[in-house]
Amino acid sequence: FFPAPPDPPRVQFLTWASGADELEGGRGSFATF
């Protein structure tokens, strides 16, 4: 959360994405192997 205490939190970080992996939940190279 932002800002830091003692101010009341107003912004929460939720998640991020850069491409198909984050959206489609790719299993990664080990699972592929």
Full PDB file with SEQRES, HELIX, SHEET, SSBOND, CRYST1, ORIGX, SCALE, CONECT and MASTER records, all heavy atoms in Angstrom:
SEQRES   1 A   33  PHE PHE PRO ALA PRO PRO ASP PRO PRO ARG VAL GLN PHE          
SEQRES   2 A   33  LEU THR TRP ALA SER GLY ALA ASP GLU LEU GLU GLY GLY          
SEQRES   3 A   33  ARG GLY SER PHE ALA THR PHE                                  
HELIX    1 AA1 ALA A   20  GLU A   24  1                                   5    
HELIX    2 AA2 SER A   29  THR A   32  1                                   4    
CRYST1    1.000    1.000    1.000  90.00  90.00  90.00 P 1           1          
ORIGX1      1.000000  0.000000  0.000000        0.00000                         
ORIGX2      0.000000  1.000000  0.000000        0.00000                         
ORIGX3      0.000000  0.000000  1.000000        0.00000                         
SCALE1      1.000000  0.000000  0.000000        0.00000                         
SCALE2      0.000000  1.000000  0.000000        0.00000                         
SCALE3      0.000000  0.000000  1.000000        0.00000                         
ATOM      1  N   PHE A   1       0.821  -1.199   0.000  1.00  0.00           N  
ATOM      2  CA  PHE A   1       0.000   0.000   0.000  1.00  0.00           C  
ATOM      3  C   PHE A   1       0.861   1.256   0.000  1.00  0.00           C  
ATOM      4  O   PHE A   1       2.012   1.242   0.430  1.00  0.00           O  
ATOM      5  CB  PHE A   1      -0.924   0.032   1.235  1.00  0.00           C  
ATOM      6  CG  PHE A   1      -2.077  -0.921   1.153  1.00  0.00           C  
ATOM      7  CD1 PHE A   1      -1.946  -2.223   1.604  1.00  0.00           C  
ATOM      8  CD2 PHE A   1      -3.298  -0.525   0.628  1.00  0.00           C  
ATOM      9  CE1 PHE A   1      -3.007  -3.112   1.531  1.00  0.00           C  
ATOM     10  CE2 PHE A   1      -4.369  -1.395   0.556  1.00  0.00           C  
ATOM     11  CZ  PHE A   1      -4.222  -2.692   1.005  1.00  0.00           C  
ATOM     12  N   PHE A   2       0.268   2.356  -0.477  1.00  0.00           N  
ATOM     13  CA  PHE A   2       0.849   3.685  -0.412  1.00  0.00           C  
ATOM     14  C   PHE A   2      -0.220   4.632   0.139  1.00  0.00           C  
ATOM     15  O   PHE A   2      -1.403   4.431  -0.142  1.00  0.00           O  
ATOM     16  CB  PHE A   2       1.277   4.172  -1.801  1.00  0.00           C  
ATOM     17  CG  PHE A   2       2.229   3.264  -2.517  1.00  0.00           C  
ATOM     18  CD1 PHE A   2       1.752   2.260  -3.340  1.00  0.00           C  
ATOM     19  CD2 PHE A   2       3.606   3.414  -2.380  1.00  0.00           C  
ATOM     20  CE1 PHE A   2       2.621   1.423  -4.017  1.00  0.00           C  
ATOM     21  CE2 PHE A   2       4.479   2.585  -3.061  1.00  0.00           C  
ATOM     22  CZ  PHE A   2       3.991   1.586  -3.867  1.00  0.00           C  
ATOM     23  N   PRO A   3       0.163   5.707   0.861  1.00  0.00           N  
ATOM     24  CA  PRO A   3       1.515   6.042   1.325  1.00  0.00           C  
ATOM     25  C   PRO A   3       1.884   5.263   2.579  1.00  0.00           C  
ATOM     26  O   PRO A   3       1.105   4.410   3.033  1.00  0.00           O  
ATOM     27  CB  PRO A   3       1.395   7.539   1.621  1.00  0.00           C  
ATOM     28  CG  PRO A   3      -0.015   7.700   2.076  1.00  0.00           C  
ATOM     29  CD  PRO A   3      -0.820   6.734   1.238  1.00  0.00           C  
ATOM     30  N   ALA A   4       3.042   5.593   3.134  1.00  0.00           N  
ATOM     31  CA  ALA A   4       3.528   4.911   4.327  1.00  0.00           C  
ATOM     32  C   ALA A   4       2.759   5.391   5.558  1.00  0.00           C  
ATOM     33  O   ALA A   4       2.261   6.519   5.592  1.00  0.00           O  
ATOM     34  CB  ALA A   4       5.024   5.180   4.514  1.00  0.00           C  
ATOM     35  N   PRO A   5       2.635   4.538   6.589  1.00  0.00           N  
ATOM     36  CA  PRO A   5       2.030   4.965   7.844  1.00  0.00           C  
ATOM     37  C   PRO A   5       2.805   6.158   8.415  1.00  0.00           C  
ATOM     38  O   PRO A   5       3.998   6.294   8.148  1.00  0.00           O  
ATOM     39  CB  PRO A   5       2.164   3.728   8.738  1.00  0.00           C  
ATOM     40  CG  PRO A   5       2.329   2.585   7.786  1.00  0.00           C  
ATOM     41  CD  PRO A   5       3.068   3.145   6.617  1.00  0.00           C  
ATOM     42  N   PRO A   6       2.194   7.047   9.170  1.00  0.00           N  
ATOM     43  CA  PRO A   6       0.831   6.924   9.737  1.00  0.00           C  
ATOM     44  C   PRO A   6      -0.285   7.424   8.825  1.00  0.00           C  
ATOM     45  O   PRO A   6      -1.449   7.415   9.217  1.00  0.00           O  
ATOM     46  CB  PRO A   6       0.927   7.802  10.988  1.00  0.00           C  
ATOM     47  CG  PRO A   6       1.860   8.894  10.586  1.00  0.00           C  
ATOM     48  CD  PRO A   6       2.890   8.232   9.702  1.00  0.00           C  
ATOM     49  N   ASP A   7       0.043   7.878   7.610  1.00  0.00           N  
ATOM     50  CA  ASP A   7      -1.004   8.331   6.693  1.00  0.00           C  
ATOM     51  C   ASP A   7      -1.888   7.157   6.293  1.00  0.00           C  
ATOM     52  O   ASP A   7      -1.412   6.026   6.151  1.00  0.00           O  
ATOM     53  CB  ASP A   7      -0.381   8.959   5.449  1.00  0.00           C  
ATOM     54  CG  ASP A   7       0.380  10.232   5.759  1.00  0.00           C  
ATOM     55  OD1 ASP A   7      -0.111  11.005   6.591  1.00  0.00           O  
ATOM     56  OD2 ASP A   7       1.468  10.434   5.193  1.00  0.00           O  
ATOM     57  N   PRO A   8      -3.168   7.395   6.088  1.00  0.00           N  
ATOM     58  CA  PRO A   8      -4.065   6.296   5.697  1.00  0.00           C  
ATOM     59  C   PRO A   8      -3.727   5.792   4.301  1.00  0.00           C  
ATOM     60  O   PRO A   8      -3.452   6.578   3.394  1.00  0.00           O  
ATOM     61  CB  PRO A   8      -5.453   6.939   5.727  1.00  0.00           C  
ATOM     62  CG  PRO A   8      -5.201   8.404   5.556  1.00  0.00           C  
ATOM     63  CD  PRO A   8      -3.889   8.679   6.223  1.00  0.00           C  
ATOM     64  N   PRO A   9      -3.715   4.480   4.101  1.00  0.00           N  
ATOM     65  CA  PRO A   9      -3.420   3.928   2.773  1.00  0.00           C  
ATOM     66  C   PRO A   9      -4.525   4.244   1.781  1.00  0.00           C  
ATOM     67  O   PRO A   9      -5.698   4.073   2.071  1.00  0.00           O  
ATOM     68  CB  PRO A   9      -3.299   2.425   3.033  1.00  0.00           C  
ATOM     69  CG  PRO A   9      -3.970   2.186   4.326  1.00  0.00           C  
ATOM     70  CD  PRO A   9      -3.939   3.442   5.105  1.00  0.00           C  
ATOM     71  N   ARG A  10      -4.137   4.706   0.587  1.00  0.00           N  
ATOM     72  CA  ARG A  10      -5.099   5.052  -0.455  1.00  0.00           C  
ATOM     73  C   ARG A  10      -4.868   4.304  -1.756  1.00  0.00           C  
ATOM     74  O   ARG A  10      -5.757   4.238  -2.590  1.00  0.00           O  
ATOM     75  CB  ARG A  10      -5.068   6.567  -0.727  1.00  0.00           C  
ATOM     76  CG  ARG A  10      -5.411   7.445   0.464  1.00  0.00           C  
ATOM     77  CD  ARG A  10      -6.770   7.099   1.060  1.00  0.00           C  
ATOM     78  NE  ARG A  10      -7.853   7.077   0.097  1.00  0.00           N  
ATOM     79  CZ  ARG A  10      -8.555   8.151  -0.273  1.00  0.00           C  
ATOM     80  NH1 ARG A  10      -8.261   9.335   0.238  1.00  0.00           N  
ATOM     81  NH2 ARG A  10      -9.548   8.046  -1.136  1.00  0.00           N  
ATOM     82  N   VAL A  11      -3.666   3.787  -1.973  1.00  0.00           N  
ATOM     83  CA  VAL A  11      -3.336   3.093  -3.215  1.00  0.00           C  
ATOM     84  C   VAL A  11      -2.793   1.709  -2.887  1.00  0.00           C  
ATOM     85  O   VAL A  11      -1.846   1.582  -2.107  1.00  0.00           O  
ATOM     86  CB  VAL A  11      -2.297   3.885  -4.036  1.00  0.00           C  
ATOM     87  CG1 VAL A  11      -1.904   3.098  -5.291  1.00  0.00           C  
ATOM     88  CG2 VAL A  11      -2.829   5.257  -4.415  1.00  0.00           C  
ATOM     89  N   GLN A  12      -3.386   0.668  -3.459  1.00  0.00           N  
ATOM     90  CA  GLN A  12      -2.887  -0.694  -3.279  1.00  0.00           C  
ATOM     91  C   GLN A  12      -2.341  -1.214  -4.601  1.00  0.00           C  
ATOM     92  O   GLN A  12      -3.007  -1.138  -5.631  1.00  0.00           O  
ATOM     93  CB  GLN A  12      -3.986  -1.642  -2.806  1.00  0.00           C  
ATOM     94  CG  GLN A  12      -3.458  -3.074  -2.582  1.00  0.00           C  
ATOM     95  CD  GLN A  12      -4.552  -4.108  -2.368  1.00  0.00           C  
ATOM     96  OE1 GLN A  12      -5.711  -3.766  -2.137  1.00  0.00           O  
ATOM     97  NE2 GLN A  12      -4.180  -5.375  -2.456  1.00  0.00           N  
ATOM     98  N   PHE A  13      -1.115  -1.738  -4.564  1.00  0.00           N  
ATOM     99  CA  PHE A  13      -0.600  -2.449  -5.734  1.00  0.00           C  
ATOM    100  C   PHE A  13      -1.289  -3.802  -5.819  1.00  0.00           C  
ATOM    101  O   PHE A  13      -1.383  -4.540  -4.834  1.00  0.00           O  
ATOM    102  CB  PHE A  13       0.916  -2.640  -5.630  1.00  0.00           C  
ATOM    103  CG  PHE A  13       1.461  -3.588  -6.675  1.00  0.00           C  
ATOM    104  CD1 PHE A  13       1.507  -3.217  -8.006  1.00  0.00           C  
ATOM    105  CD2 PHE A  13       1.883  -4.857  -6.321  1.00  0.00           C  
ATOM    106  CE1 PHE A  13       1.975  -4.095  -8.972  1.00  0.00           C  
ATOM    107  CE2 PHE A  13       2.360  -5.735  -7.268  1.00  0.00           C  
ATOM    108  CZ  PHE A  13       2.408  -5.355  -8.606  1.00  0.00           C  
ATOM    109  N   LEU A  14      -1.758  -4.152  -7.027  1.00  0.00           N  
ATOM    110  CA  LEU A  14      -2.512  -5.388  -7.203  1.00  0.00           C  
ATOM    111  C   LEU A  14      -1.732  -6.472  -7.928  1.00  0.00           C  
ATOM    112  O   LEU A  14      -1.572  -7.584  -7.416  1.00  0.00           O  
ATOM    113  CB  LEU A  14      -3.807  -5.108  -7.975  1.00  0.00           C  
ATOM    114  CG  LEU A  14      -4.764  -4.080  -7.362  1.00  0.00           C  
ATOM    115  CD1 LEU A  14      -6.019  -3.964  -8.227  1.00  0.00           C  
ATOM    116  CD2 LEU A  14      -5.123  -4.447  -5.932  1.00  0.00           C  
ATOM    117  N   THR A  15      -1.263  -6.189  -9.135  1.00  0.00           N  
ATOM    118  CA  THR A  15      -0.626  -7.216  -9.946  1.00  0.00           C  
ATOM    119  C   THR A  15       0.110  -6.542 -11.090  1.00  0.00           C  
ATOM    120  O   THR A  15       0.155  -5.311 -11.174  1.00  0.00           O  
ATOM    121  CB  THR A  15      -1.678  -8.211 -10.488  1.00  0.00           C  
ATOM    122  OG1 THR A  15      -1.028  -9.285 -11.158  1.00  0.00           O  
ATOM    123  CG2 THR A  15      -2.645  -7.532 -11.440  1.00  0.00           C  
ATOM    124  N   TRP A  16       0.692  -7.346 -11.968  1.00  0.00           N  
ATOM    125  CA  TRP A  16       1.411  -6.808 -13.120  1.00  0.00           C  
ATOM    126  C   TRP A  16       1.319  -7.804 -14.272  1.00  0.00           C  
ATOM    127  O   TRP A  16       0.983  -8.982 -14.080  1.00  0.00           O  
ATOM    128  CB  TRP A  16       2.883  -6.538 -12.787  1.00  0.00           C  
ATOM    129  CG  TRP A  16       3.655  -7.767 -12.370  1.00  0.00           C  
ATOM    130  CD1 TRP A  16       3.770  -8.267 -11.107  1.00  0.00           C  
ATOM    131  CD2 TRP A  16       4.375  -8.661 -13.220  1.00  0.00           C  
ATOM    132  NE1 TRP A  16       4.516  -9.418 -11.110  1.00  0.00           N  
ATOM    133  CE2 TRP A  16       4.910  -9.685 -12.400  1.00  0.00           C  
ATOM    134  CE3 TRP A  16       4.624  -8.697 -14.586  1.00  0.00           C  
ATOM    135  CZ2 TRP A  16       5.678 -10.726 -12.910  1.00  0.00           C  
ATOM    136  CZ3 TRP A  16       5.395  -9.739 -15.098  1.00  0.00           C  
ATOM    137  CH2 TRP A  16       5.914 -10.739 -14.257  1.00  0.00           C  
ATOM    138  N   ALA A  17       1.634  -7.324 -15.467  1.00  0.00           N  
ATOM    139  CA  ALA A  17       1.681  -8.192 -16.644  1.00  0.00           C  
ATOM    140  C   ALA A  17       2.591  -7.576 -17.682  1.00  0.00           C  
ATOM    141  O   ALA A  17       2.696  -6.349 -17.788  1.00  0.00           O  
ATOM    142  CB  ALA A  17       0.285  -8.411 -17.224  1.00  0.00           C  
ATOM    143  N   SER A  18       3.268  -8.435 -18.434  1.00  0.00           N  
ATOM    144  CA  SER A  18       4.113  -7.996 -19.536  1.00  0.00           C  
ATOM    145  C   SER A  18       3.817  -8.730 -20.835  1.00  0.00           C  
ATOM    146  O   SER A  18       4.377  -8.400 -21.866  1.00  0.00           O  
ATOM    147  CB  SER A  18       5.595  -8.182 -19.178  1.00  0.00           C  
ATOM    148  OG  SER A  18       5.962  -7.364 -18.084  1.00  0.00           O  
ATOM    149  N   GLY A  19       2.954  -9.762 -20.753  1.00  0.00           N  
ATOM    150  CA  GLY A  19       2.655 -10.520 -21.950  1.00  0.00           C  
ATOM    151  C   GLY A  19       1.783 -11.717 -21.665  1.00  0.00           C  
ATOM    152  O   GLY A  19       1.075 -11.788 -20.659  1.00  0.00           O  
ATOM    153  N   ALA A  20       1.871 -12.718 -22.546  1.00  0.00           N  
ATOM    154  CA  ALA A  20       0.997 -13.883 -22.477  1.00  0.00           C  
ATOM    155  C   ALA A  20       1.237 -14.728 -21.236  1.00  0.00           C  
ATOM    156  O   ALA A  20       0.306 -15.331 -20.709  1.00  0.00           O  
ATOM    157  CB  ALA A  20       1.180 -14.736 -23.734  1.00  0.00           C  
ATOM    158  N   ASP A  21       2.477 -14.799 -20.763  1.00  0.00           N  
ATOM    159  CA  ASP A  21       2.783 -15.670 -19.623  1.00  0.00           C  
ATOM    160  C   ASP A  21       1.942 -15.323 -18.397  1.00  0.00           C  
ATOM    161  O   ASP A  21       1.406 -16.207 -17.723  1.00  0.00           O  
ATOM    162  CB  ASP A  21       4.263 -15.595 -19.269  1.00  0.00           C  
ATOM    163  CG  ASP A  21       5.104 -16.546 -20.111  1.00  0.00           C  
ATOM    164  OD1 ASP A  21       4.510 -17.440 -20.746  1.00  0.00           O  
ATOM    165  OD2 ASP A  21       6.332 -16.391 -20.136  1.00  0.00           O  
ATOM    166  N   GLU A  22       1.858 -14.038 -18.068  1.00  0.00           N  
ATOM    167  CA  GLU A  22       1.124 -13.632 -16.874  1.00  0.00           C  
ATOM    168  C   GLU A  22      -0.378 -13.834 -17.048  1.00  0.00           C  
ATOM    169  O   GLU A  22      -1.088 -14.127 -16.083  1.00  0.00           O  
ATOM    170  CB  GLU A  22       1.417 -12.164 -16.539  1.00  0.00           C  
ATOM    171  CG  GLU A  22       2.846 -11.888 -16.107  1.00  0.00           C  
ATOM    172  CD  GLU A  22       3.793 -11.802 -17.291  1.00  0.00           C  
ATOM    173  OE1 GLU A  22       3.399 -11.239 -18.341  1.00  0.00           O  
ATOM    174  OE2 GLU A  22       4.919 -12.315 -17.171  1.00  0.00           O  
ATOM    175  N   LEU A  23      -0.861 -13.684 -18.264  1.00  0.00           N  
ATOM    176  CA  LEU A  23      -2.292 -13.830 -18.501  1.00  0.00           C  
ATOM    177  C   LEU A  23      -2.716 -15.288 -18.595  1.00  0.00           C  
ATOM    178  O   LEU A  23      -3.757 -15.682 -18.071  1.00  0.00           O  
ATOM    179  CB  LEU A  23      -2.677 -13.117 -19.796  1.00  0.00           C  
ATOM    180  CG  LEU A  23      -2.582 -11.590 -19.771  1.00  0.00           C  
ATOM    181  CD1 LEU A  23      -2.758 -11.041 -21.174  1.00  0.00           C  
ATOM    182  CD2 LEU A  23      -3.619 -11.008 -18.849  1.00  0.00           C  
ATOM    183  N   GLU A  24      -1.909 -16.090 -19.270  1.00  0.00           N  
ATOM    184  CA  GLU A  24      -2.293 -17.471 -19.556  1.00  0.00           C  
ATOM    185  C   GLU A  24      -1.764 -18.462 -18.527  1.00  0.00           C  
ATOM    186  O   GLU A  24      -2.079 -19.650 -18.586  1.00  0.00           O  
ATOM    187  CB  GLU A  24      -1.799 -17.851 -20.953  1.00  0.00           C  
ATOM    188  CG  GLU A  24      -2.406 -16.980 -22.048  1.00  0.00           C  
ATOM    189  CD  GLU A  24      -1.787 -17.218 -23.415  1.00  0.00           C  
ATOM    190  OE1 GLU A  24      -0.944 -18.151 -23.525  1.00  0.00           O  
ATOM    191  OE2 GLU A  24      -2.118 -16.490 -24.359  1.00  0.00           O  
ATOM    192  N   GLY A  25      -0.930 -17.988 -17.579  1.00  0.00           N  
ATOM    193  CA  GLY A  25      -0.437 -18.867 -16.533  1.00  0.00           C  
ATOM    194  C   GLY A  25       0.463 -19.955 -17.057  1.00  0.00           C  
ATOM    195  O   GLY A  25       0.281 -21.135 -16.754  1.00  0.00           O  
ATOM    196  N   GLY A  26       1.473 -19.582 -17.875  1.00  0.00           N  
ATOM    197  CA  GLY A  26       2.411 -20.552 -18.428  1.00  0.00           C  
ATOM    198  C   GLY A  26       3.118 -21.341 -17.339  1.00  0.00           C  
ATOM    199  O   GLY A  26       3.429 -20.829 -16.275  1.00  0.00           O  
ATOM    200  N   ARG A  27       3.385 -22.620 -17.605  1.00  0.00           N  
ATOM    201  CA  ARG A  27       3.938 -23.499 -16.591  1.00  0.00           C  
ATOM    202  C   ARG A  27       5.444 -23.401 -16.473  1.00  0.00           C  
ATOM    203  O   ARG A  27       6.023 -23.899 -15.527  1.00  0.00           O  
ATOM    204  CB  ARG A  27       3.530 -24.944 -16.887  1.00  0.00           C  
ATOM    205  CG  ARG A  27       2.068 -25.201 -16.680  1.00  0.00           C  
ATOM    206  CD  ARG A  27       1.808 -26.687 -16.638  1.00  0.00           C  
ATOM    207  NE  ARG A  27       1.980 -27.320 -17.933  1.00  0.00           N  
ATOM    208  CZ  ARG A  27       0.985 -27.563 -18.766  1.00  0.00           C  
ATOM    209  NH1 ARG A  27      -0.231 -27.179 -18.472  1.00  0.00           N  
ATOM    210  NH2 ARG A  27       1.207 -28.168 -19.908  1.00  0.00           N  
ATOM    211  N   GLY A  28       6.122 -22.810 -17.454  1.00  0.00           N  
ATOM    212  CA  GLY A  28       7.560 -22.641 -17.332  1.00  0.00           C  
ATOM    213  C   GLY A  28       8.338 -23.747 -18.013  1.00  0.00           C  
ATOM    214  O   GLY A  28       7.815 -24.782 -18.430  1.00  0.00           O  
ATOM    215  N   SER A  29       9.652 -23.551 -18.096  1.00  0.00           N  
ATOM    216  CA  SER A  29      10.515 -24.445 -18.854  1.00  0.00           C  
ATOM    217  C   SER A  29      10.637 -25.823 -18.212  1.00  0.00           C  
ATOM    218  O   SER A  29      10.746 -26.827 -18.898  1.00  0.00           O  
ATOM    219  CB  SER A  29      11.900 -23.816 -19.015  1.00  0.00           C  
ATOM    220  OG  SER A  29      12.472 -23.546 -17.749  1.00  0.00           O  
ATOM    221  N   PHE A  30      10.619 -25.901 -16.861  1.00  0.00           N  
ATOM    222  CA  PHE A  30      10.773 -27.198 -16.219  1.00  0.00           C  
ATOM    223  C   PHE A  30       9.564 -28.095 -16.502  1.00  0.00           C  
ATOM    224  O   PHE A  30       9.704 -29.279 -16.803  1.00  0.00           O  
ATOM    225  CB  PHE A  30      10.963 -27.024 -14.713  1.00  0.00           C  
ATOM    226  CG  PHE A  30      11.140 -28.333 -13.994  1.00  0.00           C  
ATOM    227  CD1 PHE A  30      12.285 -29.093 -14.202  1.00  0.00           C  
ATOM    228  CD2 PHE A  30      10.170 -28.817 -13.143  1.00  0.00           C  
ATOM    229  CE1 PHE A  30      12.456 -30.306 -13.549  1.00  0.00           C  
ATOM    230  CE2 PHE A  30      10.334 -30.025 -12.495  1.00  0.00           C  
ATOM    231  CZ  PHE A  30      11.479 -30.767 -12.691  1.00  0.00           C  
ATOM    232  N   ALA A  31       8.370 -27.496 -16.428  1.00  0.00           N  
ATOM    233  CA  ALA A  31       7.173 -28.270 -16.731  1.00  0.00           C  
ATOM    234  C   ALA A  31       7.181 -28.730 -18.183  1.00  0.00           C  
ATOM    235  O   ALA A  31       6.770 -29.846 -18.497  1.00  0.00           O  
ATOM    236  CB  ALA A  31       5.920 -27.434 -16.458  1.00  0.00           C  
ATOM    237  N   THR A  32       7.652 -27.874 -19.069  1.00  0.00           N  
ATOM    238  CA  THR A  32       7.744 -28.249 -20.479  1.00  0.00           C  
ATOM    239  C   THR A  32       8.667 -29.443 -20.658  1.00  0.00           C  
ATOM    240  O   THR A  32       8.378 -30.385 -21.399  1.00  0.00           O  
ATOM    241  CB  THR A  32       8.251 -27.062 -21.303  1.00  0.00           C  
ATOM    242  OG1 THR A  32       7.330 -25.973 -21.153  1.00  0.00           O  
ATOM    243  CG2 THR A  32       8.351 -27.430 -22.778  1.00  0.00           C  
ATOM    244  N   PHE A  33       9.805 -29.451 -19.926  1.00  0.00           N  
ATOM    245  CA  PHE A  33      10.754 -30.561 -20.005  1.00  0.00           C  
ATOM    246  C   PHE A  33      10.142 -31.851 -19.461  1.00  0.00           C  
ATOM    247  O   PHE A  33      10.223 -32.917 -20.082  1.00  0.00           O  
ATOM    248  CB  PHE A  33      12.015 -30.203 -19.221  1.00  0.00           C  
ATOM    249  CG  PHE A  33      12.926 -31.383 -18.979  1.00  0.00           C  
ATOM    250  CD1 PHE A  33      13.701 -31.889 -20.006  1.00  0.00           C  
ATOM    251  CD2 PHE A  33      12.990 -31.986 -17.737  1.00  0.00           C  
ATOM    252  CE1 PHE A  33      14.527 -32.979 -19.795  1.00  0.00           C  
ATOM    253  CE2 PHE A  33      13.807 -33.068 -17.521  1.00  0.00           C  
ATOM    254  CZ  PHE A  33      14.589 -33.568 -18.549  1.00  0.00           C  
TER     255      PHE A  33                                                      
MASTER        0    0    0    2    0    0    0    6  254    1    0    3          
END                                                                             
